[in-house]
Amino acid sequence: MRYDNQQLIDMLSAEYVLGSLKGAARIRFEQLIQQRADWAKALNWWQTHLHLLAETVPAVKPRKQVWQQIENRLWNKTAPSNASNLWRILNWRNTALLSTSLAFIFATFLVLQAPNKPSISEPTAVAMLANDKAQAGWLLSFANNAGSNAEIRANSLASLQIKNQNAYELWVLPADKSKPISLGLLPQKGNKVLVVPANLVAMLSESGLAVSVEPIGGSPTGQPTGAVLYQGKLVKV
């Protein structure tokens, strides 16, 4: 195995967190994270980010038929026919294939923000910006870049309400109730890096964050002019 291949490390770490890394491969991975600091560091990064993203998925109540099928399989309440046995086997194979595919897609998407990237080091704080319906719009990662300048990497999420005729602007809400301070415009698709002025770095740890709807190009007044739809706070990792 290419133990120093960062892309491979990230892919295996993501699959481990998602639960799709099985058998001997999973055992070997657990041995490696005990032996190598770079593997343990990658696993910690993926655990932090995937768990945060998982919190954005809304809870769904299963249909009654799902629970009935679980009970049937656990307690053998019904004897399935050969046809239903075949369907069950095919269904489980499709589920396993889907799980592996999702793990690969998820890992490929997030590997672009992995801690080995030269533009940004391992995040020291993260934030999830969500609306009043608990729908997340962005995942923020705060870190210092290669030049030791503070940056926020903003990643837009699938549940974001796209506004083609407007812009989303990120604001710091000082703890002393003074006026909001703009950190820049957030992406509605993909990701974007926002440079944090040095005088705001210390303030971020104790301040809230808010996102307002503004005209294309941002607020014309230097203060929020539209509705505040998303809020959050940076949390140390």
C-alpha atoms as a PDB file:
ATOM      1  CA  MET A   1       0.000   0.000   0.000  1.00  0.00           C
ATOM      2  CA  ARG A   2       1.183   3.542  -0.741  1.00  0.00           C
ATOM      3  CA  TYR A   3       1.142   4.780   2.855  1.00  0.00           C
ATOM      4  CA  ASP A   4       2.166   8.331   1.924  1.00  0.00           C
ATOM      5  CA  ASN A   5      -0.442   8.809  -0.828  1.00  0.00           C
ATOM      6  CA  GLN A   6      -2.617  11.572   0.643  1.00  0.00           C
ATOM      7  CA  GLN A   7      -5.513  10.959  -1.736  1.00  0.00           C
ATOM      8  CA  LEU A   8      -5.621   7.302  -0.697  1.00  0.00           C
ATOM      9  CA  ILE A   9      -5.452   8.261   2.986  1.00  0.00           C
ATOM     10  CA  ASP A  10      -8.388  10.650   2.552  1.00  0.00           C
ATOM     11  CA  MET A  11     -10.468   8.129   0.613  1.00  0.00           C
ATOM     12  CA  LEU A  12      -9.951   5.380   3.206  1.00  0.00           C
ATOM     13  CA  SER A  13     -10.579   7.785   6.093  1.00  0.00           C
ATOM     14  CA  ALA A  14     -13.869   8.918   4.553  1.00  0.00           C
ATOM     15  CA  GLU A  15     -15.003   5.339   3.941  1.00  0.00           C
ATOM     16  CA  TYR A  16     -14.024   4.393   7.507  1.00  0.00           C
ATOM     17  CA  VAL A  17     -16.166   7.198   8.960  1.00  0.00           C
ATOM     18  CA  LEU A  18     -19.068   6.356   6.632  1.00  0.00           C
ATOM     19  CA  GLY A  19     -18.861   2.699   7.665  1.00  0.00           C
ATOM     20  CA  SER A  20     -18.252   1.283   4.184  1.00  0.00           C
ATOM     21  CA  LEU A  21     -14.672   0.151   4.920  1.00  0.00           C
ATOM     22  CA  LYS A  22     -15.078  -3.483   5.970  1.00  0.00           C
ATOM     23  CA  GLY A  23     -13.206  -6.628   6.966  1.00  0.00           C
ATOM     24  CA  ALA A  24      -9.424  -6.843   6.822  1.00  0.00           C
ATOM     25  CA  ALA A  25      -9.145  -3.392   5.230  1.00  0.00           C
ATOM     26  CA  ARG A  26     -10.877  -1.814   8.227  1.00  0.00           C
ATOM     27  CA  ILE A  27      -8.672  -3.713  10.694  1.00  0.00           C
ATOM     28  CA  ARG A  28      -5.529  -2.643   8.823  1.00  0.00           C
ATOM     29  CA  PHE A  29      -6.746   0.973   8.755  1.00  0.00           C
ATOM     30  CA  GLU A  30      -7.267   0.935  12.541  1.00  0.00           C
ATOM     31  CA  GLN A  31      -3.708  -0.340  12.968  1.00  0.00           C
ATOM     32  CA  LEU A  32      -2.343   2.422  10.754  1.00  0.00           C
ATOM     33  CA  ILE A  33      -4.051   5.251  12.646  1.00  0.00           C
ATOM     34  CA  GLN A  34      -2.341   3.939  15.792  1.00  0.00           C
ATOM     35  CA  GLN A  35       1.049   3.858  14.087  1.00  0.00           C
ATOM     36  CA  ARG A  36       1.026   6.967  11.896  1.00  0.00           C
ATOM     37  CA  ALA A  37       0.203  10.513  12.963  1.00  0.00           C
ATOM     38  CA  ASP A  38      -0.665  11.600   9.404  1.00  0.00           C
ATOM     39  CA  TRP A  39      -3.336   8.890   9.121  1.00  0.00           C
ATOM     40  CA  ALA A  40      -4.777   9.766  12.541  1.00  0.00           C
ATOM     41  CA  LYS A  41      -4.839  13.447  11.573  1.00  0.00           C
ATOM     42  CA  ALA A  42      -6.717  12.714   8.342  1.00  0.00           C
ATOM     43  CA  LEU A  43      -9.248  10.531  10.183  1.00  0.00           C
ATOM     44  CA  ASN A  44      -9.896  13.292  12.726  1.00  0.00           C
ATOM     45  CA  TRP A  45     -10.504  15.800   9.909  1.00  0.00           C
ATOM     46  CA  TRP A  46     -12.986  13.543   8.137  1.00  0.00           C
ATOM     47  CA  GLN A  47     -14.824  12.666  11.358  1.00  0.00           C
ATOM     48  CA  THR A  48     -15.291  16.350  12.160  1.00  0.00           C
ATOM     49  CA  HIS A  49     -16.544  17.339   8.708  1.00  0.00           C
ATOM     50  CA  LEU A  50     -18.705  14.328   7.915  1.00  0.00           C
ATOM     51  CA  HIS A  51     -20.406  14.412  11.315  1.00  0.00           C
ATOM     52  CA  LEU A  52     -21.179  18.100  10.841  1.00  0.00           C
ATOM     53  CA  LEU A  53     -22.606  17.437   7.392  1.00  0.00           C
ATOM     54  CA  ALA A  54     -24.655  14.538   8.737  1.00  0.00           C
ATOM     55  CA  GLU A  55     -26.350  16.926  11.145  1.00  0.00           C
ATOM     56  CA  THR A  56     -27.791  18.825   8.184  1.00  0.00           C
ATOM     57  CA  VAL A  57     -29.825  15.837   7.014  1.00  0.00           C
ATOM     58  CA  PRO A  58     -33.407  16.140   8.282  1.00  0.00           C
ATOM     59  CA  ALA A  59     -34.919  13.263  10.242  1.00  0.00           C
ATOM     60  CA  VAL A  60     -37.360  11.109   8.245  1.00  0.00           C
ATOM     61  CA  LYS A  61     -39.925   8.860   9.887  1.00  0.00           C
ATOM     62  CA  PRO A  62     -39.832   5.375   8.309  1.00  0.00           C
ATOM     63  CA  ARG A  63     -42.981   3.974   6.749  1.00  0.00           C
ATOM     64  CA  LYS A  64     -44.903   1.395   8.770  1.00  0.00           C
ATOM     65  CA  GLN A  65     -44.019  -1.263   6.183  1.00  0.00           C
ATOM     66  CA  VAL A  66     -40.308  -0.772   6.911  1.00  0.00           C
ATOM     67  CA  TRP A  67     -40.708  -1.639  10.590  1.00  0.00           C
ATOM     68  CA  GLN A  68     -42.929  -4.592   9.654  1.00  0.00           C
ATOM     69  CA  GLN A  69     -40.257  -5.972   7.344  1.00  0.00           C
ATOM     70  CA  ILE A  70     -37.600  -5.559  10.053  1.00  0.00           C
ATOM     71  CA  GLU A  71     -39.764  -7.479  12.529  1.00  0.00           C
ATOM     72  CA  ASN A  72     -40.404 -10.222   9.977  1.00  0.00           C
ATOM     73  CA  ARG A  73     -36.692 -10.692   9.374  1.00  0.00           C
ATOM     74  CA  LEU A  74     -35.755 -10.550  13.074  1.00  0.00           C
ATOM     75  CA  TRP A  75     -38.457 -12.886  14.343  1.00  0.00           C
ATOM     76  CA  ASN A  76     -39.047 -14.940  11.203  1.00  0.00           C
ATOM     77  CA  LYS A  77     -42.757 -14.129  11.265  1.00  0.00           C
ATOM     78  CA  THR A  78     -43.203 -15.051   7.629  1.00  0.00           C
ATOM     79  CA  ALA A  79     -41.505 -17.586   5.417  1.00  0.00           C
ATOM     80  CA  PRO A  80     -40.393 -15.750   2.280  1.00  0.00           C
ATOM     81  CA  SER A  81     -40.854 -17.450  -1.061  1.00  0.00           C
ATOM     82  CA  ASN A  82     -38.009 -18.155  -3.461  1.00  0.00           C
ATOM     83  CA  ALA A  83     -39.040 -15.105  -5.470  1.00  0.00           C
ATOM     84  CA  SER A  84     -38.969 -12.848  -2.409  1.00  0.00           C
ATOM     85  CA  ASN A  85     -35.633 -14.366  -1.361  1.00  0.00           C
ATOM     86  CA  LEU A  86     -34.170 -13.462  -4.751  1.00  0.00           C
ATOM     87  CA  TRP A  87     -35.569  -9.943  -4.484  1.00  0.00           C
ATOM     88  CA  ARG A  88     -34.077  -9.559  -1.000  1.00  0.00           C
ATOM     89  CA  ILE A  89     -30.644 -10.672  -2.212  1.00  0.00           C
ATOM     90  CA  LEU A  90     -30.758  -8.270  -5.144  1.00  0.00           C
ATOM     91  CA  ASN A  91     -31.974  -5.493  -2.872  1.00  0.00           C
ATOM     92  CA  TRP A  92     -29.128  -5.970  -0.404  1.00  0.00           C
ATOM     93  CA  ARG A  93     -26.573  -6.061  -3.231  1.00  0.00           C
ATOM     94  CA  ASN A  94     -27.966  -2.811  -4.623  1.00  0.00           C
ATOM     95  CA  THR A  95     -27.849  -1.267  -1.151  1.00  0.00           C
ATOM     96  CA  ALA A  96     -24.217  -2.276  -0.687  1.00  0.00           C
ATOM     97  CA  LEU A  97     -23.328  -0.921  -4.132  1.00  0.00           C
ATOM     98  CA  LEU A  98     -25.119   2.338  -3.391  1.00  0.00           C
ATOM     99  CA  SER A  99     -23.317   2.686  -0.054  1.00  0.00           C
ATOM    100  CA  THR A 100     -19.921   2.240  -1.692  1.00  0.00           C
ATOM    101  CA  SER A 101     -20.815   4.652  -4.503  1.00  0.00           C
ATOM    102  CA  LEU A 102     -21.986   7.298  -2.050  1.00  0.00           C
ATOM    103  CA  ALA A 103     -18.799   6.905  -0.039  1.00  0.00           C
ATOM    104  CA  PHE A 104     -16.722   7.419  -3.175  1.00  0.00           C
ATOM    105  CA  ILE A 105     -18.737  10.463  -4.295  1.00  0.00           C
ATOM    106  CA  PHE A 106     -18.694  11.982  -0.816  1.00  0.00           C
ATOM    107  CA  ALA A 107     -14.956  11.450  -0.490  1.00  0.00           C
ATOM    108  CA  THR A 108     -14.226  12.847  -3.953  1.00  0.00           C
ATOM    109  CA  PHE A 109     -16.296  15.951  -3.187  1.00  0.00           C
ATOM    110  CA  LEU A 110     -14.716  16.671   0.178  1.00  0.00           C
ATOM    111  CA  VAL A 111     -11.142  15.727  -0.686  1.00  0.00           C
ATOM    112  CA  LEU A 112     -10.921  19.123  -2.387  1.00  0.00           C
ATOM    113  CA  GLN A 113     -10.989  20.666   1.092  1.00  0.00           C
ATOM    114  CA  ALA A 114      -8.707  18.124   2.785  1.00  0.00           C
ATOM    115  CA  PRO A 115      -6.058  19.404   5.243  1.00  0.00           C
ATOM    116  CA  ASN A 116      -3.153  18.591   2.940  1.00  0.00           C
ATOM    117  CA  LYS A 117      -4.136  21.340   0.506  1.00  0.00           C
ATOM    118  CA  PRO A 118      -1.450  24.055   0.386  1.00  0.00           C
ATOM    119  CA  SER A 119      -3.925  26.962   0.446  1.00  0.00           C
ATOM    120  CA  ILE A 120      -5.304  26.160   3.876  1.00  0.00           C
ATOM    121  CA  SER A 121      -4.084  24.196   6.892  1.00  0.00           C
ATOM    122  CA  GLU A 122      -6.116  21.940   9.146  1.00  0.00           C
ATOM    123  CA  PRO A 123      -9.180  23.845  10.422  1.00  0.00           C
ATOM    124  CA  THR A 124      -9.082  25.083  14.001  1.00  0.00           C
ATOM    125  CA  ALA A 125     -12.788  25.957  14.069  1.00  0.00           C
ATOM    126  CA  VAL A 126     -15.889  25.125  12.049  1.00  0.00           C
ATOM    127  CA  ALA A 127     -19.414  26.490  11.769  1.00  0.00           C
ATOM    128  CA  MET A 128     -22.660  25.377  10.204  1.00  0.00           C
ATOM    129  CA  LEU A 129     -24.858  28.230   8.985  1.00  0.00           C
ATOM    130  CA  ALA A 130     -28.528  27.219   9.093  1.00  0.00           C
ATOM    131  CA  ASN A 131     -31.904  28.923   8.698  1.00  0.00           C
ATOM    132  CA  ASP A 132     -34.848  28.913  11.110  1.00  0.00           C
ATOM    133  CA  LYS A 133     -35.978  25.556   9.687  1.00  0.00           C
ATOM    134  CA  ALA A 134     -32.617  23.981  10.600  1.00  0.00           C
ATOM    135  CA  GLN A 135     -31.677  23.726   6.916  1.00  0.00           C
ATOM    136  CA  ALA A 136     -27.952  24.268   6.497  1.00  0.00           C
ATOM    137  CA  GLY A 137     -26.629  26.559   3.789  1.00  0.00           C
ATOM    138  CA  TRP A 138     -22.867  26.506   4.310  1.00  0.00           C
ATOM    139  CA  LEU A 139     -20.133  24.690   6.168  1.00  0.00           C
ATOM    140  CA  LEU A 140     -17.376  27.089   7.242  1.00  0.00           C
ATOM    141  CA  SER A 141     -13.809  26.077   8.127  1.00  0.00           C
ATOM    142  CA  PHE A 142     -11.501  28.569   9.840  1.00  0.00           C
ATOM    143  CA  ALA A 143      -7.714  28.172   9.571  1.00  0.00           C
ATOM    144  CA  ASN A 144      -4.468  29.919   8.734  1.00  0.00           C
ATOM    145  CA  ASN A 145      -3.147  29.608   5.186  1.00  0.00           C
ATOM    146  CA  ALA A 146       0.450  28.989   4.100  1.00  0.00           C
ATOM    147  CA  GLY A 147       1.219  32.668   4.696  1.00  0.00           C
ATOM    148  CA  SER A 148      -0.186  32.510   8.256  1.00  0.00           C
ATOM    149  CA  ASN A 149      -3.140  34.686   7.264  1.00  0.00           C
ATOM    150  CA  ALA A 150      -6.539  33.766   8.679  1.00  0.00           C
ATOM    151  CA  GLU A 151      -9.078  32.444   6.181  1.00  0.00           C
ATOM    152  CA  ILE A 152     -12.581  31.067   6.177  1.00  0.00           C
ATOM    153  CA  ARG A 153     -13.337  28.418   3.555  1.00  0.00           C
ATOM    154  CA  ALA A 154     -17.049  28.452   2.821  1.00  0.00           C
ATOM    155  CA  ASN A 155     -18.623  25.376   1.232  1.00  0.00           C
ATOM    156  CA  SER A 156     -22.198  25.674  -0.027  1.00  0.00           C
ATOM    157  CA  LEU A 157     -24.504  22.740   0.736  1.00  0.00           C
ATOM    158  CA  ALA A 158     -27.267  21.110  -1.274  1.00  0.00           C
ATOM    159  CA  SER A 159     -30.004  22.445   1.027  1.00  0.00           C
ATOM    160  CA  LEU A 160     -29.053  26.092   0.345  1.00  0.00           C
ATOM    161  CA  GLN A 161     -31.863  28.242  -1.057  1.00  0.00           C
ATOM    162  CA  ILE A 162     -30.396  29.586  -4.305  1.00  0.00           C
ATOM    163  CA  LYS A 163     -31.192  33.243  -5.087  1.00  0.00           C
ATOM    164  CA  ASN A 164     -30.052  34.048  -8.620  1.00  0.00           C
ATOM    165  CA  GLN A 165     -31.069  37.719  -8.389  1.00  0.00           C
ATOM    166  CA  ASN A 166     -29.379  38.337  -5.040  1.00  0.00           C
ATOM    167  CA  ALA A 167     -26.174  37.731  -3.125  1.00  0.00           C
ATOM    168  CA  TYR A 168     -25.578  36.243   0.316  1.00  0.00           C
ATOM    169  CA  GLU A 169     -23.284  38.286   2.566  1.00  0.00           C
ATOM    170  CA  LEU A 170     -21.581  36.961   5.695  1.00  0.00           C
ATOM    171  CA  TRP A 171     -21.454  39.163   8.792  1.00  0.00           C
ATOM    172  CA  VAL A 172     -19.717  39.019  12.150  1.00  0.00           C
ATOM    173  CA  LEU A 173     -22.068  39.919  15.020  1.00  0.00           C
ATOM    174  CA  PRO A 174     -19.806  41.378  17.759  1.00  0.00           C
ATOM    175  CA  ALA A 175     -20.539  40.219  21.288  1.00  0.00           C
ATOM    176  CA  ASP A 176     -20.670  43.838  22.470  1.00  0.00           C
ATOM    177  CA  LYS A 177     -23.763  44.442  20.276  1.00  0.00           C
ATOM    178  CA  SER A 178     -21.906  46.884  18.036  1.00  0.00           C
ATOM    179  CA  LYS A 179     -22.628  47.055  14.304  1.00  0.00           C
ATOM    180  CA  PRO A 180     -22.210  43.914  12.152  1.00  0.00           C
ATOM    181  CA  ILE A 181     -18.970  43.650  10.184  1.00  0.00           C
ATOM    182  CA  SER A 182     -18.924  42.162   6.691  1.00  0.00           C
ATOM    183  CA  LEU A 183     -16.644  39.215   5.910  1.00  0.00           C
ATOM    184  CA  GLY A 184     -17.621  39.104   2.239  1.00  0.00           C
ATOM    185  CA  LEU A 185     -19.999  37.314  -0.109  1.00  0.00           C
ATOM    186  CA  LEU A 186     -20.699  33.609   0.224  1.00  0.00           C
ATOM    187  CA  PRO A 187     -20.847  31.195  -2.739  1.00  0.00           C
ATOM    188  CA  GLN A 188     -24.221  29.857  -3.803  1.00  0.00           C
ATOM    189  CA  LYS A 189     -22.511  26.946  -5.531  1.00  0.00           C
ATOM    190  CA  GLY A 190     -19.162  25.342  -4.791  1.00  0.00           C
ATOM    191  CA  ASN A 191     -16.728  26.901  -2.337  1.00  0.00           C
ATOM    192  CA  LYS A 192     -14.907  30.153  -1.731  1.00  0.00           C
ATOM    193  CA  VAL A 193     -12.105  31.400   0.515  1.00  0.00           C
ATOM    194  CA  LEU A 194     -12.702  34.569   2.529  1.00  0.00           C
ATOM    195  CA  VAL A 195      -9.676  36.372   3.980  1.00  0.00           C
ATOM    196  CA  VAL A 196     -10.264  37.428   7.601  1.00  0.00           C
ATOM    197  CA  PRO A 197      -8.746  40.814   8.566  1.00  0.00           C
ATOM    198  CA  ALA A 198      -6.248  40.496  11.416  1.00  0.00           C
ATOM    199  CA  ASN A 199      -8.305  42.761  13.685  1.00  0.00           C
ATOM    200  CA  LEU A 200     -11.282  40.384  13.464  1.00  0.00           C
ATOM    201  CA  VAL A 201      -9.531  37.092  14.245  1.00  0.00           C
ATOM    202  CA  ALA A 202      -9.814  37.340  18.033  1.00  0.00           C
ATOM    203  CA  MET A 203     -13.388  38.603  17.764  1.00  0.00           C
ATOM    204  CA  LEU A 204     -14.562  35.576  15.773  1.00  0.00           C
ATOM    205  CA  SER A 205     -14.194  33.154  18.687  1.00  0.00           C
ATOM    206  CA  GLU A 206     -16.824  34.972  20.747  1.00  0.00           C
ATOM    207  CA  SER A 207     -19.044  36.441  18.041  1.00  0.00           C
ATOM    208  CA  GLY A 208     -21.999  35.077  16.139  1.00  0.00           C
ATOM    209  CA  LEU A 209     -22.247  34.865  12.371  1.00  0.00           C
ATOM    210  CA  ALA A 210     -25.195  35.852  10.210  1.00  0.00           C
ATOM    211  CA  VAL A 211     -26.006  35.841   6.503  1.00  0.00           C
ATOM    212  CA  SER A 212     -28.206  38.469   4.897  1.00  0.00           C
ATOM    213  CA  VAL A 213     -29.752  38.701   1.445  1.00  0.00           C
ATOM    214  CA  GLU A 214     -28.197  41.577  -0.482  1.00  0.00           C
ATOM    215  CA  PRO A 215     -28.130  42.987  -4.014  1.00  0.00           C
ATOM    216  CA  ILE A 216     -25.656  41.456  -6.464  1.00  0.00           C
ATOM    217  CA  GLY A 217     -22.233  42.708  -5.390  1.00  0.00           C
ATOM    218  CA  GLY A 218     -23.123  43.021  -1.719  1.00  0.00           C
ATOM    219  CA  SER A 219     -24.617  45.567   0.648  1.00  0.00           C
ATOM    220  CA  PRO A 220     -24.472  49.144  -0.715  1.00  0.00           C
ATOM    221  CA  THR A 221     -24.457  50.627   2.804  1.00  0.00           C
ATOM    222  CA  GLY A 222     -21.863  48.553   4.629  1.00  0.00           C
ATOM    223  CA  GLN A 223     -24.617  47.134   6.831  1.00  0.00           C
ATOM    224  CA  PRO A 224     -27.209  44.385   6.277  1.00  0.00           C
ATOM    225  CA  THR A 225     -30.054  45.683   4.115  1.00  0.00           C
ATOM    226  CA  GLY A 226     -32.042  42.482   3.486  1.00  0.00           C
ATOM    227  CA  ALA A 227     -33.470  39.657   5.540  1.00  0.00           C
ATOM    228  CA  VAL A 228     -31.103  37.642   7.735  1.00  0.00           C
ATOM    229  CA  LEU A 229     -31.784  34.038   6.734  1.00  0.00           C
ATOM    230  CA  TYR A 230     -28.856  32.028   8.109  1.00  0.00           C
ATOM    231  CA  GLN A 231     -26.964  32.126  11.388  1.00  0.00           C
ATOM    232  CA  GLY A 232     -24.269  30.155  13.189  1.00  0.00           C
ATOM    233  CA  LYS A 233     -21.131  30.310  15.327  1.00  0.00           C
ATOM    234  CA  LEU A 234     -17.593  29.037  14.967  1.00  0.00           C
ATOM    235  CA  VAL A 235     -16.772  26.108  17.256  1.00  0.00           C
ATOM    236  CA  LYS A 236     -13.222  24.991  17.999  1.00  0.00           C
ATOM    237  CA  VAL A 237     -12.227  21.502  16.799  1.00  0.00           C
END
